[in-house]
Full PDB file with SEQRES, HELIX, SHEET, SSBOND, CRYST1, ORIGX, SCALE, CONECT and MASTER records, all heavy atoms in Angstrom:
SEQRES   1 A   40  GLU HIS LEU ASP PRO PRO VAL ARG LEU LEU TYR VAL GLY          
SEQRES   2 A   40  ARG LEU SER PRO ARG LYS GLY VAL ASP VAL ALA VAL ALA          
SEQRES   3 A   40  ALA LEU ARG ARG LEU ARG GLU GLN GLY MET ASP ALA ARG          
SEQRES   4 A   40  LEU                                                          
HELIX    1 AA1 PRO A   17  LYS A   19  5                                   3    
HELIX    2 AA2 VAL A   21  GLU A   33  1                                  13    
SHEET    1 AA1 2 VAL A   7  ARG A   8  0                                        
SHEET    2 AA1 2 ALA A  38  ARG A  39  1                                        
CRYST1    1.000    1.000    1.000  90.00  90.00  90.00 P 1           1          
ORIGX1      1.000000  0.000000  0.000000        0.00000                         
ORIGX2      0.000000  1.000000  0.000000        0.00000                         
ORIGX3      0.000000  0.000000  1.000000        0.00000                         
SCALE1      1.000000  0.000000  0.000000        0.00000                         
SCALE2      0.000000  1.000000  0.000000        0.00000                         
SCALE3      0.000000  0.000000  1.000000        0.00000                         
ATOM      1  N   GLU A   1       0.871  -1.154  -0.052  1.00  0.00           N  
ATOM      2  CA  GLU A   1      -0.027  -0.065   0.005  1.00  0.00           C  
ATOM      3  C   GLU A   1       0.886   1.340  -0.022  1.00  0.00           C  
ATOM      4  O   GLU A   1       0.548   2.226  -0.646  1.00  0.00           O  
ATOM      5  CB  GLU A   1      -0.917  -0.039   1.259  1.00  0.00           C  
ATOM      6  CG  GLU A   1      -2.018  -0.991   1.155  1.00  0.00           C  
ATOM      7  CD  GLU A   1      -3.110  -0.804   2.332  1.00  0.00           C  
ATOM      8  OE1 GLU A   1      -3.176   0.320   2.758  1.00  0.00           O  
ATOM      9  OE2 GLU A   1      -3.683  -1.796   2.665  1.00  0.00           O  
ATOM     10  N   HIS A   2       1.972   1.237   0.724  1.00  0.00           N  
ATOM     11  CA  HIS A   2       2.773   2.354   0.850  1.00  0.00           C  
ATOM     12  C   HIS A   2       4.233   1.874   0.444  1.00  0.00           C  
ATOM     13  O   HIS A   2       4.763   0.899   1.011  1.00  0.00           O  
ATOM     14  CB  HIS A   2       2.845   2.884   2.217  1.00  0.00           C  
ATOM     15  CG  HIS A   2       1.442   3.305   2.728  1.00  0.00           C  
ATOM     16  ND1 HIS A   2       0.730   4.405   2.220  1.00  0.00           N  
ATOM     17  CD2 HIS A   2       0.635   2.758   3.627  1.00  0.00           C  
ATOM     18  CE1 HIS A   2      -0.428   4.463   2.841  1.00  0.00           C  
ATOM     19  NE2 HIS A   2      -0.499   3.517   3.720  1.00  0.00           N  
ATOM     20  N   LEU A   3       4.809   2.637  -0.438  1.00  0.00           N  
ATOM     21  CA  LEU A   3       6.200   2.308  -0.840  1.00  0.00           C  
ATOM     22  C   LEU A   3       7.245   2.839   0.107  1.00  0.00           C  
ATOM     23  O   LEU A   3       8.054   3.725  -0.284  1.00  0.00           O  
ATOM     24  CB  LEU A   3       6.484   2.844  -2.274  1.00  0.00           C  
ATOM     25  CG  LEU A   3       5.871   2.035  -3.412  1.00  0.00           C  
ATOM     26  CD1 LEU A   3       6.236   2.614  -4.789  1.00  0.00           C  
ATOM     27  CD2 LEU A   3       6.200   0.538  -3.422  1.00  0.00           C  
ATOM     28  N   ASP A   4       7.283   2.202   1.275  1.00  0.00           N  
ATOM     29  CA  ASP A   4       8.352   2.597   2.161  1.00  0.00           C  
ATOM     30  C   ASP A   4       9.680   2.141   1.621  1.00  0.00           C  
ATOM     31  O   ASP A   4       9.818   1.069   1.056  1.00  0.00           O  
ATOM     32  CB  ASP A   4       8.165   1.953   3.517  1.00  0.00           C  
ATOM     33  CG  ASP A   4       6.848   2.400   4.165  1.00  0.00           C  
ATOM     34  OD1 ASP A   4       6.477   3.509   4.021  1.00  0.00           O  
ATOM     35  OD2 ASP A   4       6.131   1.468   4.813  1.00  0.00           O  
ATOM     36  N   PRO A   5      10.796   2.916   1.729  1.00  0.00           N  
ATOM     37  CA  PRO A   5      12.006   2.596   1.105  1.00  0.00           C  
ATOM     38  C   PRO A   5      12.541   1.209   1.631  1.00  0.00           C  
ATOM     39  O   PRO A   5      12.319   0.872   2.762  1.00  0.00           O  
ATOM     40  CB  PRO A   5      12.974   3.692   1.579  1.00  0.00           C  
ATOM     41  CG  PRO A   5      11.981   4.880   1.882  1.00  0.00           C  
ATOM     42  CD  PRO A   5      10.750   4.262   2.445  1.00  0.00           C  
ATOM     43  N   PRO A   6      13.176   0.415   0.771  1.00  0.00           N  
ATOM     44  CA  PRO A   6      13.542   0.785  -0.608  1.00  0.00           C  
ATOM     45  C   PRO A   6      12.430   0.410  -1.650  1.00  0.00           C  
ATOM     46  O   PRO A   6      11.646  -0.504  -1.395  1.00  0.00           O  
ATOM     47  CB  PRO A   6      14.817  -0.028  -0.920  1.00  0.00           C  
ATOM     48  CG  PRO A   6      14.543  -1.239  -0.069  1.00  0.00           C  
ATOM     49  CD  PRO A   6      13.880  -0.756   1.173  1.00  0.00           C  
ATOM     50  N   VAL A   7      12.468   1.151  -2.771  1.00  0.00           N  
ATOM     51  CA  VAL A   7      11.622   0.635  -3.897  1.00  0.00           C  
ATOM     52  C   VAL A   7      12.332  -0.469  -4.614  1.00  0.00           C  
ATOM     53  O   VAL A   7      13.449  -0.404  -4.996  1.00  0.00           O  
ATOM     54  CB  VAL A   7      11.392   1.809  -4.930  1.00  0.00           C  
ATOM     55  CG1 VAL A   7      10.611   1.416  -6.110  1.00  0.00           C  
ATOM     56  CG2 VAL A   7      10.737   3.012  -4.229  1.00  0.00           C  
ATOM     57  N   ARG A   8      11.558  -1.573  -4.672  1.00  0.00           N  
ATOM     58  CA  ARG A   8      12.158  -2.830  -5.150  1.00  0.00           C  
ATOM     59  C   ARG A   8      11.882  -3.137  -6.644  1.00  0.00           C  
ATOM     60  O   ARG A   8      10.708  -3.305  -7.021  1.00  0.00           O  
ATOM     61  CB  ARG A   8      11.644  -3.996  -4.269  1.00  0.00           C  
ATOM     62  CG  ARG A   8      11.977  -3.834  -2.778  1.00  0.00           C  
ATOM     63  CD  ARG A   8      11.491  -5.053  -1.920  1.00  0.00           C  
ATOM     64  NE  ARG A   8      10.117  -5.194  -1.927  1.00  0.00           N  
ATOM     65  CZ  ARG A   8       9.415  -5.378  -0.884  1.00  0.00           C  
ATOM     66  NH1 ARG A   8       9.942  -5.290   0.348  1.00  0.00           N  
ATOM     67  NH2 ARG A   8       8.077  -5.596  -0.901  1.00  0.00           N  
ATOM     68  N   LEU A   9      12.877  -3.004  -7.434  1.00  0.00           N  
ATOM     69  CA  LEU A   9      12.739  -3.184  -8.892  1.00  0.00           C  
ATOM     70  C   LEU A   9      13.286  -4.570  -9.298  1.00  0.00           C  
ATOM     71  O   LEU A   9      14.157  -5.054  -8.604  1.00  0.00           O  
ATOM     72  CB  LEU A   9      13.652  -2.138  -9.720  1.00  0.00           C  
ATOM     73  CG  LEU A   9      13.401  -0.728  -9.282  1.00  0.00           C  
ATOM     74  CD1 LEU A   9      14.392   0.245  -9.991  1.00  0.00           C  
ATOM     75  CD2 LEU A   9      11.942  -0.234  -9.559  1.00  0.00           C  
ATOM     76  N   LEU A  10      12.707  -5.173 -10.358  1.00  0.00           N  
ATOM     77  CA  LEU A  10      13.033  -6.484 -10.691  1.00  0.00           C  
ATOM     78  C   LEU A  10      13.178  -6.563 -12.224  1.00  0.00           C  
ATOM     79  O   LEU A  10      12.369  -6.092 -13.001  1.00  0.00           O  
ATOM     80  CB  LEU A  10      11.968  -7.413 -10.315  1.00  0.00           C  
ATOM     81  CG  LEU A  10      12.106  -9.000 -10.657  1.00  0.00           C  
ATOM     82  CD1 LEU A  10      13.226  -9.629 -10.004  1.00  0.00           C  
ATOM     83  CD2 LEU A  10      10.816  -9.765 -10.385  1.00  0.00           C  
ATOM     84  N   TYR A  11      14.307  -7.286 -12.711  1.00  0.00           N  
ATOM     85  CA  TYR A  11      14.461  -7.578 -14.035  1.00  0.00           C  
ATOM     86  C   TYR A  11      14.512  -9.185 -14.087  1.00  0.00           C  
ATOM     87  O   TYR A  11      15.238  -9.810 -13.229  1.00  0.00           O  
ATOM     88  CB  TYR A  11      15.714  -7.108 -14.638  1.00  0.00           C  
ATOM     89  CG  TYR A  11      16.107  -7.813 -15.912  1.00  0.00           C  
ATOM     90  CD1 TYR A  11      15.532  -7.345 -17.135  1.00  0.00           C  
ATOM     91  CD2 TYR A  11      16.914  -8.896 -15.920  1.00  0.00           C  
ATOM     92  CE1 TYR A  11      15.912  -7.991 -18.337  1.00  0.00           C  
ATOM     93  CE2 TYR A  11      17.286  -9.574 -17.192  1.00  0.00           C  
ATOM     94  CZ  TYR A  11      16.737  -9.139 -18.295  1.00  0.00           C  
ATOM     95  OH  TYR A  11      16.991  -9.820 -19.509  1.00  0.00           O  
ATOM     96  N   VAL A  12      13.749  -9.890 -14.966  1.00  0.00           N  
ATOM     97  CA  VAL A  12      13.846 -11.375 -15.151  1.00  0.00           C  
ATOM     98  C   VAL A  12      14.090 -11.632 -16.639  1.00  0.00           C  
ATOM     99  O   VAL A  12      13.467 -11.035 -17.493  1.00  0.00           O  
ATOM    100  CB  VAL A  12      12.498 -11.962 -14.802  1.00  0.00           C  
ATOM    101  CG1 VAL A  12      12.377 -13.461 -15.090  1.00  0.00           C  
ATOM    102  CG2 VAL A  12      12.135 -11.675 -13.316  1.00  0.00           C  
ATOM    103  N   GLY A  13      15.134 -12.478 -16.746  1.00  0.00           N  
ATOM    104  CA  GLY A  13      15.443 -12.830 -18.211  1.00  0.00           C  
ATOM    105  C   GLY A  13      16.897 -13.072 -18.389  1.00  0.00           C  
ATOM    106  O   GLY A  13      17.663 -12.963 -17.396  1.00  0.00           O  
ATOM    107  N   ARG A  14      17.330 -13.380 -19.594  1.00  0.00           N  
ATOM    108  CA  ARG A  14      18.714 -13.516 -19.890  1.00  0.00           C  
ATOM    109  C   ARG A  14      19.482 -12.306 -19.558  1.00  0.00           C  
ATOM    110  O   ARG A  14      19.038 -11.177 -19.742  1.00  0.00           O  
ATOM    111  CB  ARG A  14      18.899 -13.845 -21.381  1.00  0.00           C  
ATOM    112  CG  ARG A  14      18.534 -15.187 -21.810  1.00  0.00           C  
ATOM    113  CD  ARG A  14      19.673 -16.216 -21.420  1.00  0.00           C  
ATOM    114  NE  ARG A  14      19.394 -17.518 -22.115  1.00  0.00           N  
ATOM    115  CZ  ARG A  14      20.116 -18.602 -21.785  1.00  0.00           C  
ATOM    116  NH1 ARG A  14      21.043 -18.513 -20.873  1.00  0.00           N  
ATOM    117  NH2 ARG A  14      19.826 -19.763 -22.399  1.00  0.00           N  
ATOM    118  N   LEU A  15      20.650 -12.449 -19.041  1.00  0.00           N  
ATOM    119  CA  LEU A  15      21.595 -11.356 -18.930  1.00  0.00           C  
ATOM    120  C   LEU A  15      22.335 -11.128 -20.230  1.00  0.00           C  
ATOM    121  O   LEU A  15      23.326 -11.775 -20.533  1.00  0.00           O  
ATOM    122  CB  LEU A  15      22.618 -11.530 -17.832  1.00  0.00           C  
ATOM    123  CG  LEU A  15      22.017 -11.796 -16.395  1.00  0.00           C  
ATOM    124  CD1 LEU A  15      23.120 -11.878 -15.400  1.00  0.00           C  
ATOM    125  CD2 LEU A  15      20.999 -10.754 -16.011  1.00  0.00           C  
ATOM    126  N   SER A  16      21.700 -10.331 -21.144  1.00  0.00           N  
ATOM    127  CA  SER A  16      22.168 -10.165 -22.512  1.00  0.00           C  
ATOM    128  C   SER A  16      22.109  -8.759 -22.945  1.00  0.00           C  
ATOM    129  O   SER A  16      21.270  -8.024 -22.504  1.00  0.00           O  
ATOM    130  CB  SER A  16      21.208 -10.989 -23.443  1.00  0.00           C  
ATOM    131  OG  SER A  16      21.383 -10.678 -24.767  1.00  0.00           O  
ATOM    132  N   PRO A  17      23.022  -8.356 -23.858  1.00  0.00           N  
ATOM    133  CA  PRO A  17      22.998  -6.974 -24.285  1.00  0.00           C  
ATOM    134  C   PRO A  17      21.671  -6.563 -24.969  1.00  0.00           C  
ATOM    135  O   PRO A  17      21.207  -5.452 -24.806  1.00  0.00           O  
ATOM    136  CB  PRO A  17      24.145  -6.902 -25.268  1.00  0.00           C  
ATOM    137  CG  PRO A  17      25.024  -8.017 -24.862  1.00  0.00           C  
ATOM    138  CD  PRO A  17      24.191  -9.076 -24.333  1.00  0.00           C  
ATOM    139  N   ARG A  18      21.094  -7.528 -25.685  1.00  0.00           N  
ATOM    140  CA  ARG A  18      19.817  -7.286 -26.339  1.00  0.00           C  
ATOM    141  C   ARG A  18      18.634  -6.973 -25.446  1.00  0.00           C  
ATOM    142  O   ARG A  18      17.687  -6.415 -25.769  1.00  0.00           O  
ATOM    143  CB  ARG A  18      19.472  -8.343 -27.358  1.00  0.00           C  
ATOM    144  CG  ARG A  18      19.149  -9.643 -26.710  1.00  0.00           C  
ATOM    145  CD  ARG A  18      18.839 -10.744 -27.835  1.00  0.00           C  
ATOM    146  NE  ARG A  18      17.580 -10.427 -28.474  1.00  0.00           N  
ATOM    147  CZ  ARG A  18      17.316 -10.275 -29.752  1.00  0.00           C  
ATOM    148  NH1 ARG A  18      18.373 -10.512 -30.590  1.00  0.00           N  
ATOM    149  NH2 ARG A  18      16.210 -10.087 -30.254  1.00  0.00           N  
ATOM    150  N   LYS A  19      18.786  -7.487 -24.157  1.00  0.00           N  
ATOM    151  CA  LYS A  19      17.658  -7.400 -23.218  1.00  0.00           C  
ATOM    152  C   LYS A  19      17.770  -6.054 -22.487  1.00  0.00           C  
ATOM    153  O   LYS A  19      16.911  -5.801 -21.624  1.00  0.00           O  
ATOM    154  CB  LYS A  19      17.827  -8.551 -22.171  1.00  0.00           C  
ATOM    155  CG  LYS A  19      17.574  -9.977 -22.854  1.00  0.00           C  
ATOM    156  CD  LYS A  19      16.071 -10.101 -23.237  1.00  0.00           C  
ATOM    157  CE  LYS A  19      15.785 -11.508 -23.648  1.00  0.00           C  
ATOM    158  NZ  LYS A  19      14.369 -11.695 -23.959  1.00  0.00           N  
ATOM    159  N   GLY A  20      18.817  -5.229 -22.677  1.00  0.00           N  
ATOM    160  CA  GLY A  20      18.887  -3.880 -22.019  1.00  0.00           C  
ATOM    161  C   GLY A  20      19.093  -3.928 -20.537  1.00  0.00           C  
ATOM    162  O   GLY A  20      18.749  -2.988 -19.820  1.00  0.00           O  
ATOM    163  N   VAL A  21      19.749  -5.061 -20.050  1.00  0.00           N  
ATOM    164  CA  VAL A  21      19.996  -5.072 -18.653  1.00  0.00           C  
ATOM    165  C   VAL A  21      20.914  -3.879 -18.121  1.00  0.00           C  
ATOM    166  O   VAL A  21      20.723  -3.366 -17.108  1.00  0.00           O  
ATOM    167  CB  VAL A  21      20.693  -6.363 -18.262  1.00  0.00           C  
ATOM    168  CG1 VAL A  21      20.797  -6.617 -16.721  1.00  0.00           C  
ATOM    169  CG2 VAL A  21      20.006  -7.558 -18.979  1.00  0.00           C  
ATOM    170  N   ASP A  22      21.924  -3.488 -19.025  1.00  0.00           N  
ATOM    171  CA  ASP A  22      22.731  -2.371 -18.631  1.00  0.00           C  
ATOM    172  C   ASP A  22      21.959  -1.087 -18.552  1.00  0.00           C  
ATOM    173  O   ASP A  22      22.289  -0.184 -17.768  1.00  0.00           O  
ATOM    174  CB  ASP A  22      23.939  -2.277 -19.645  1.00  0.00           C  
ATOM    175  CG  ASP A  22      23.375  -2.231 -21.087  1.00  0.00           C  
ATOM    176  OD1 ASP A  22      22.226  -2.708 -21.371  1.00  0.00           O  
ATOM    177  OD2 ASP A  22      24.121  -1.649 -21.948  1.00  0.00           O  
ATOM    178  N   VAL A  23      20.922  -1.032 -19.327  1.00  0.00           N  
ATOM    179  CA  VAL A  23      20.038   0.188 -19.331  1.00  0.00           C  
ATOM    180  C   VAL A  23      19.289   0.317 -17.991  1.00  0.00           C  
ATOM    181  O   VAL A  23      19.116   1.348 -17.321  1.00  0.00           O  
ATOM    182  CB  VAL A  23      19.005   0.226 -20.502  1.00  0.00           C  
ATOM    183  CG1 VAL A  23      18.121   1.464 -20.473  1.00  0.00           C  
ATOM    184  CG2 VAL A  23      19.748   0.162 -21.827  1.00  0.00           C  
ATOM    185  N   ALA A  24      18.872  -0.881 -17.423  1.00  0.00           N  
ATOM    186  CA  ALA A  24      18.160  -1.005 -16.203  1.00  0.00           C  
ATOM    187  C   ALA A  24      19.106  -0.557 -15.045  1.00  0.00           C  
ATOM    188  O   ALA A  24      18.734   0.172 -14.147  1.00  0.00           O  
ATOM    189  CB  ALA A  24      17.651  -2.381 -15.951  1.00  0.00           C  
ATOM    190  N   VAL A  25      20.361  -0.983 -15.163  1.00  0.00           N  
ATOM    191  CA  VAL A  25      21.345  -0.638 -14.136  1.00  0.00           C  
ATOM    192  C   VAL A  25      21.616   0.859 -14.205  1.00  0.00           C  
ATOM    193  O   VAL A  25      21.703   1.489 -13.059  1.00  0.00           O  
ATOM    194  CB  VAL A  25      22.712  -1.410 -14.353  1.00  0.00           C  
ATOM    195  CG1 VAL A  25      23.774  -0.895 -13.357  1.00  0.00           C  
ATOM    196  CG2 VAL A  25      22.359  -2.937 -14.124  1.00  0.00           C  
ATOM    197  N   ALA A  26      21.701   1.423 -15.359  1.00  0.00           N  
ATOM    198  CA  ALA A  26      21.979   2.928 -15.510  1.00  0.00           C  
ATOM    199  C   ALA A  26      20.785   3.681 -14.964  1.00  0.00           C  
ATOM    200  O   ALA A  26      20.977   4.694 -14.339  1.00  0.00           O  
ATOM    201  CB  ALA A  26      22.233   3.252 -16.941  1.00  0.00           C  
ATOM    202  N   ALA A  27      19.596   3.206 -15.213  1.00  0.00           N  
ATOM    203  CA  ALA A  27      18.389   3.827 -14.642  1.00  0.00           C  
ATOM    204  C   ALA A  27      18.377   3.731 -13.075  1.00  0.00           C  
ATOM    205  O   ALA A  27      17.965   4.755 -12.402  1.00  0.00           O  
ATOM    206  CB  ALA A  27      17.065   3.174 -15.190  1.00  0.00           C  
ATOM    207  N   LEU A  28      18.810   2.623 -12.603  1.00  0.00           N  
ATOM    208  CA  LEU A  28      18.853   2.556 -11.129  1.00  0.00           C  
ATOM    209  C   LEU A  28      19.818   3.546 -10.568  1.00  0.00           C  
ATOM    210  O   LEU A  28      19.515   4.247  -9.568  1.00  0.00           O  
ATOM    211  CB  LEU A  28      19.396   1.130 -10.773  1.00  0.00           C  
ATOM    212  CG  LEU A  28      19.741   0.915  -9.286  1.00  0.00           C  
ATOM    213  CD1 LEU A  28      18.489   0.987  -8.393  1.00  0.00           C  
ATOM    214  CD2 LEU A  28      20.444  -0.459  -9.123  1.00  0.00           C  
ATOM    215  N   ARG A  29      21.050   3.726 -11.188  1.00  0.00           N  
ATOM    216  CA  ARG A  29      21.985   4.692 -10.719  1.00  0.00           C  
ATOM    217  C   ARG A  29      21.388   6.117 -10.793  1.00  0.00           C  
ATOM    218  O   ARG A  29      21.597   6.862  -9.892  1.00  0.00           O  
ATOM    219  CB  ARG A  29      23.222   4.664 -11.596  1.00  0.00           C  
ATOM    220  CG  ARG A  29      24.350   5.606 -11.160  1.00  0.00           C  
ATOM    221  CD  ARG A  29      25.547   5.479 -12.087  1.00  0.00           C  
ATOM    222  NE  ARG A  29      26.060   4.176 -12.233  1.00  0.00           N  
ATOM    223  CZ  ARG A  29      26.832   3.571 -11.293  1.00  0.00           C  
ATOM    224  NH1 ARG A  29      27.150   4.240 -10.206  1.00  0.00           N  
ATOM    225  NH2 ARG A  29      27.202   2.317 -11.491  1.00  0.00           N  
ATOM    226  N   ARG A  30      20.652   6.465 -11.863  1.00  0.00           N  
ATOM    227  CA  ARG A  30      20.133   7.772 -11.992  1.00  0.00           C  
ATOM    228  C   ARG A  30      19.091   7.993 -10.828  1.00  0.00           C  
ATOM    229  O   ARG A  30      18.975   9.091 -10.288  1.00  0.00           O  
ATOM    230  CB  ARG A  30      19.457   7.850 -13.345  1.00  0.00           C  
ATOM    231  CG  ARG A  30      18.811   9.307 -13.578  1.00  0.00           C  
ATOM    232  CD  ARG A  30      18.394   9.418 -14.912  1.00  0.00           C  
ATOM    233  NE  ARG A  30      17.784  10.769 -15.241  1.00  0.00           N  
ATOM    234  CZ  ARG A  30      18.563  11.813 -15.486  1.00  0.00           C  
ATOM    235  NH1 ARG A  30      19.846  11.750 -15.580  1.00  0.00           N  
ATOM    236  NH2 ARG A  30      17.979  13.043 -15.731  1.00  0.00           N  
ATOM    237  N   LEU A  31      18.226   7.013 -10.593  1.00  0.00           N  
ATOM    238  CA  LEU A  31      17.185   7.155  -9.558  1.00  0.00           C  
ATOM    239  C   LEU A  31      17.822   7.421  -8.172  1.00  0.00           C  
ATOM    240  O   LEU A  31      17.450   8.255  -7.389  1.00  0.00           O  
ATOM    241  CB  LEU A  31      16.368   5.938  -9.490  1.00  0.00           C  
ATOM    242  CG  LEU A  31      15.418   5.678 -10.556  1.00  0.00           C  
ATOM    243  CD1 LEU A  31      14.780   4.282 -10.547  1.00  0.00           C  
ATOM    244  CD2 LEU A  31      14.293   6.764 -10.535  1.00  0.00           C  
ATOM    245  N   ARG A  32      18.913   6.740  -7.858  1.00  0.00           N  
ATOM    246  CA  ARG A  32      19.602   6.873  -6.603  1.00  0.00           C  
ATOM    247  C   ARG A  32      20.269   8.219  -6.538  1.00  0.00           C  
ATOM    248  O   ARG A  32      20.326   8.885  -5.493  1.00  0.00           O  
ATOM    249  CB  ARG A  32      20.626   5.682  -6.342  1.00  0.00           C  
ATOM    250  CG  ARG A  32      19.978   4.402  -6.279  1.00  0.00           C  
ATOM    251  CD  ARG A  32      20.900   3.274  -5.950  1.00  0.00           C  
ATOM    252  NE  ARG A  32      21.609   3.533  -4.621  1.00  0.00           N  
ATOM    253  CZ  ARG A  32      21.049   3.149  -3.411  1.00  0.00           C  
ATOM    254  NH1 ARG A  32      19.854   2.596  -3.353  1.00  0.00           N  
ATOM    255  NH2 ARG A  32      21.817   3.427  -2.295  1.00  0.00           N  
ATOM    256  N   GLU A  33      20.875   8.705  -7.705  1.00  0.00           N  
ATOM    257  CA  GLU A  33      21.483  10.040  -7.692  1.00  0.00           C  
ATOM    258  C   GLU A  33      20.421  11.075  -7.454  1.00  0.00           C  
ATOM    259  O   GLU A  33      20.775  12.223  -6.925  1.00  0.00           O  
ATOM    260  CB  GLU A  33      22.231  10.233  -9.041  1.00  0.00           C  
ATOM    261  CG  GLU A  33      23.423   9.410  -9.205  1.00  0.00           C  
ATOM    262  CD  GLU A  33      24.034   9.506 -10.618  1.00  0.00           C  
ATOM    263  OE1 GLU A  33      23.289  10.072 -11.470  1.00  0.00           O  
ATOM    264  OE2 GLU A  33      25.130   9.079 -10.771  1.00  0.00           O  
ATOM    265  N   GLN A  34      19.245  10.854  -7.782  1.00  0.00           N  
ATOM    266  CA  GLN A  34      18.069  11.755  -7.605  1.00  0.00           C  
ATOM    267  C   GLN A  34      17.440  11.733  -6.243  1.00  0.00           C  
ATOM    268  O   GLN A  34      16.515  12.351  -5.865  1.00  0.00           O  
ATOM    269  CB  GLN A  34      16.999  11.515  -8.652  1.00  0.00           C  
ATOM    270  CG  GLN A  34      17.452  11.905 -10.083  1.00  0.00           C  
ATOM    271  CD  GLN A  34      16.514  11.577 -11.123  1.00  0.00           C  
ATOM    272  OE1 GLN A  34      15.565  10.749 -10.943  1.00  0.00           O  
ATOM    273  NE2 GLN A  34      16.638  12.158 -12.345  1.00  0.00           N  
ATOM    274  N   GLY A  35      17.977  10.772  -5.423  1.00  0.00           N  
ATOM    275  CA  GLY A  35      17.626  10.651  -3.983  1.00  0.00           C  
ATOM    276  C   GLY A  35      16.622   9.560  -3.723  1.00  0.00           C  
ATOM    277  O   GLY A  35      16.195   9.374  -2.550  1.00  0.00           O  
ATOM    278  N   MET A  36      16.278   8.693  -4.688  1.00  0.00           N  
ATOM    279  CA  MET A  36      15.360   7.539  -4.395  1.00  0.00           C  
ATOM    280  C   MET A  36      16.139   6.463  -3.925  1.00  0.00           C  
ATOM    281  O   MET A  36      17.130   5.967  -4.538  1.00  0.00           O  
ATOM    282  CB  MET A  36      14.535   7.213  -5.729  1.00  0.00           C  
ATOM    283  CG  MET A  36      13.554   6.006  -5.445  1.00  0.00           C  
ATOM    284  SD  MET A  36      12.757   5.441  -6.984  1.00  0.00           S  
ATOM    285  CE  MET A  36      11.814   6.870  -7.441  1.00  0.00           C  
ATOM    286  N   ASP A  37      15.666   5.780  -2.771  1.00  0.00           N  
ATOM    287  CA  ASP A  37      16.294   4.506  -2.354  1.00  0.00           C  
ATOM    288  C   ASP A  37      15.718   3.402  -3.161  1.00  0.00           C  
ATOM    289  O   ASP A  37      14.630   2.770  -2.690  1.00  0.00           O  
ATOM    290  CB  ASP A  37      15.958   4.418  -0.842  1.00  0.00           C  
ATOM    291  CG  ASP A  37      16.649   3.136  -0.287  1.00  0.00           C  
ATOM    292  OD1 ASP A  37      17.442   2.463  -1.057  1.00  0.00           O  
ATOM    293  OD2 ASP A  37      16.516   2.819   0.911  1.00  0.00           O  
ATOM    294  N   ALA A  38      16.263   3.095  -4.300  1.00  0.00           N  
ATOM    295  CA  ALA A  38      15.795   2.092  -5.175  1.00  0.00           C  
ATOM    296  C   ALA A  38      16.734   0.887  -5.201  1.00  0.00           C  
ATOM    297  O   ALA A  38      18.016   1.167  -5.154  1.00  0.00           O  
ATOM    298  CB  ALA A  38      15.591   2.607  -6.543  1.00  0.00           C  
ATOM    299  N   ARG A  39      16.278  -0.314  -5.444  1.00  0.00           N  
ATOM    300  CA  ARG A  39      17.164  -1.495  -5.504  1.00  0.00           C  
ATOM    301  C   ARG A  39      16.727  -2.409  -6.635  1.00  0.00           C  
ATOM    302  O   ARG A  39      15.551  -2.457  -6.879  1.00  0.00           O  
ATOM    303  CB  ARG A  39      17.176  -2.258  -4.146  1.00  0.00           C  
ATOM    304  CG  ARG A  39      17.645  -1.336  -3.031  1.00  0.00           C  
ATOM    305  CD  ARG A  39      17.766  -2.170  -1.699  1.00  0.00           C  
ATOM    306  NE  ARG A  39      18.128  -1.271  -0.639  1.00  0.00           N  
ATOM    307  CZ  ARG A  39      18.303  -1.613   0.586  1.00  0.00           C  
ATOM    308  NH1 ARG A  39      18.137  -2.854   0.981  1.00  0.00           N  
ATOM    309  NH2 ARG A  39      18.643  -0.688   1.564  1.00  0.00           N  
ATOM    310  N   LEU A  40      17.596  -2.898  -7.320  1.00  0.00           N  
ATOM    311  CA  LEU A  40      17.330  -3.663  -8.566  1.00  0.00           C  
ATOM    312  C   LEU A  40      17.876  -5.075  -8.391  1.00  0.00           C  
ATOM    313  O   LEU A  40      19.052  -5.320  -8.068  1.00  0.00           O  
ATOM    314  CB  LEU A  40      17.993  -3.093  -9.808  1.00  0.00           C  
ATOM    315  CG  LEU A  40      17.899  -3.834 -11.102  1.00  0.00           C  
ATOM    316  CD1 LEU A  40      16.389  -4.105 -11.528  1.00  0.00           C  
ATOM    317  CD2 LEU A  40      18.681  -3.139 -12.155  1.00  0.00           C  
TER     318      LEU A  40                                                      
MASTER        0    0    0    2    2    0    0    6  317    1    0    4          
END                                                                             
């Protein structure tokens, strides 16, 4: 009901360049730089 920190993000699938896993990691970094306690 309430997103008490941390915000829990999930990726499921092959760890592959075509799947954009590195993009998800980069997005995580950006969220944390903006002050969000997010975890992937």
